[in-house]
């Protein structure tokens, strides 16, 4: 019984982590499309709601 509760909580935690990763990946994909279209940095940060650091990483990864 105790093990099943622990397993259930671990599964729930894993699902939340997966959902967050999926949302982040989607936001970064939208930001990449906006960069492709020449949208300004401020607009991307406002619309996509990613951090400036995440946007900087995306921009840098696209240079390589």
Protein backbone atom coordinates (compact mmCIF):
# COMPACT_ATOMS: atom_id res chain seq x y z
CA UNK A 1 0.00 0.00 0.00
CA UNK A 2 2.72 2.49 0.98
CA UNK A 3 4.75 1.63 -2.09
CA UNK A 4 1.78 2.25 -4.37
CA UNK A 5 1.30 5.72 -2.84
CA UNK A 6 4.98 6.51 -3.39
CA UNK A 7 4.79 5.21 -6.95
CA UNK A 8 1.67 7.24 -7.62
CA UNK A 9 3.31 10.43 -6.37
CA UNK A 10 6.41 9.72 -8.44
CA UNK A 11 4.27 9.22 -11.53
CA UNK A 12 2.37 12.46 -10.89
CA UNK A 13 5.64 14.32 -10.43
CA UNK A 14 6.97 12.83 -13.65
CA UNK A 15 3.85 13.86 -15.53
CA UNK A 16 4.14 17.44 -14.28
CA UNK A 17 7.79 17.57 -15.33
CA UNK A 18 6.87 16.22 -18.76
CA UNK A 19 4.08 18.75 -19.19
CA UNK A 20 6.41 21.60 -18.25
CA UNK A 21 9.07 20.39 -20.69
CA UNK A 22 6.48 20.12 -23.43
CA UNK A 23 5.23 23.64 -22.79
CA UNK A 24 8.78 24.98 -22.81
CA UNK A 25 9.57 23.20 -26.07
CA UNK A 26 6.43 24.62 -27.67
CA UNK A 27 7.27 28.14 -26.47
CA UNK A 28 10.78 27.85 -27.87
CA UNK A 29 9.41 26.63 -31.21
CA UNK A 30 7.10 29.66 -31.38
CA UNK A 31 10.00 31.96 -30.43
CA UNK A 32 12.13 30.40 -33.20
CA UNK A 33 9.41 31.08 -35.76
CA UNK A 34 9.13 34.64 -34.55
CA UNK A 35 12.89 35.07 -34.89
CA UNK A 36 12.68 33.69 -38.43
CA UNK A 37 10.12 36.38 -39.22
CA UNK A 38 12.32 39.13 -37.77
CA UNK A 39 10.15 39.93 -34.78
CA UNK A 40 11.82 42.13 -32.14
CA UNK A 41 13.20 40.58 -28.98
CA UNK A 42 10.78 42.47 -26.71
CA UNK A 43 7.77 41.23 -28.65
CA UNK A 44 8.99 37.63 -28.47
CA UNK A 45 9.56 37.87 -24.72
CA UNK A 46 6.12 39.41 -24.23
CA UNK A 47 4.15 37.02 -26.44
CA UNK A 48 5.93 33.76 -25.74
CA UNK A 49 6.62 34.36 -22.05
CA UNK A 50 10.07 32.82 -21.93
CA UNK A 51 12.92 34.31 -19.96
CA UNK A 52 15.50 36.55 -21.59
CA UNK A 53 18.09 33.91 -20.75
CA UNK A 54 16.09 31.23 -22.60
CA UNK A 55 15.77 33.50 -25.62
CA UNK A 56 19.50 34.20 -25.57
CA UNK A 57 20.22 30.46 -25.50
CA UNK A 58 17.86 29.92 -28.43
CA UNK A 59 19.49 32.69 -30.45
CA UNK A 60 22.96 31.33 -29.69
CA UNK A 61 21.98 27.77 -30.61
CA UNK A 62 20.70 28.98 -33.97
CA UNK A 63 24.06 30.60 -34.76
CA UNK A 64 25.87 27.27 -34.58
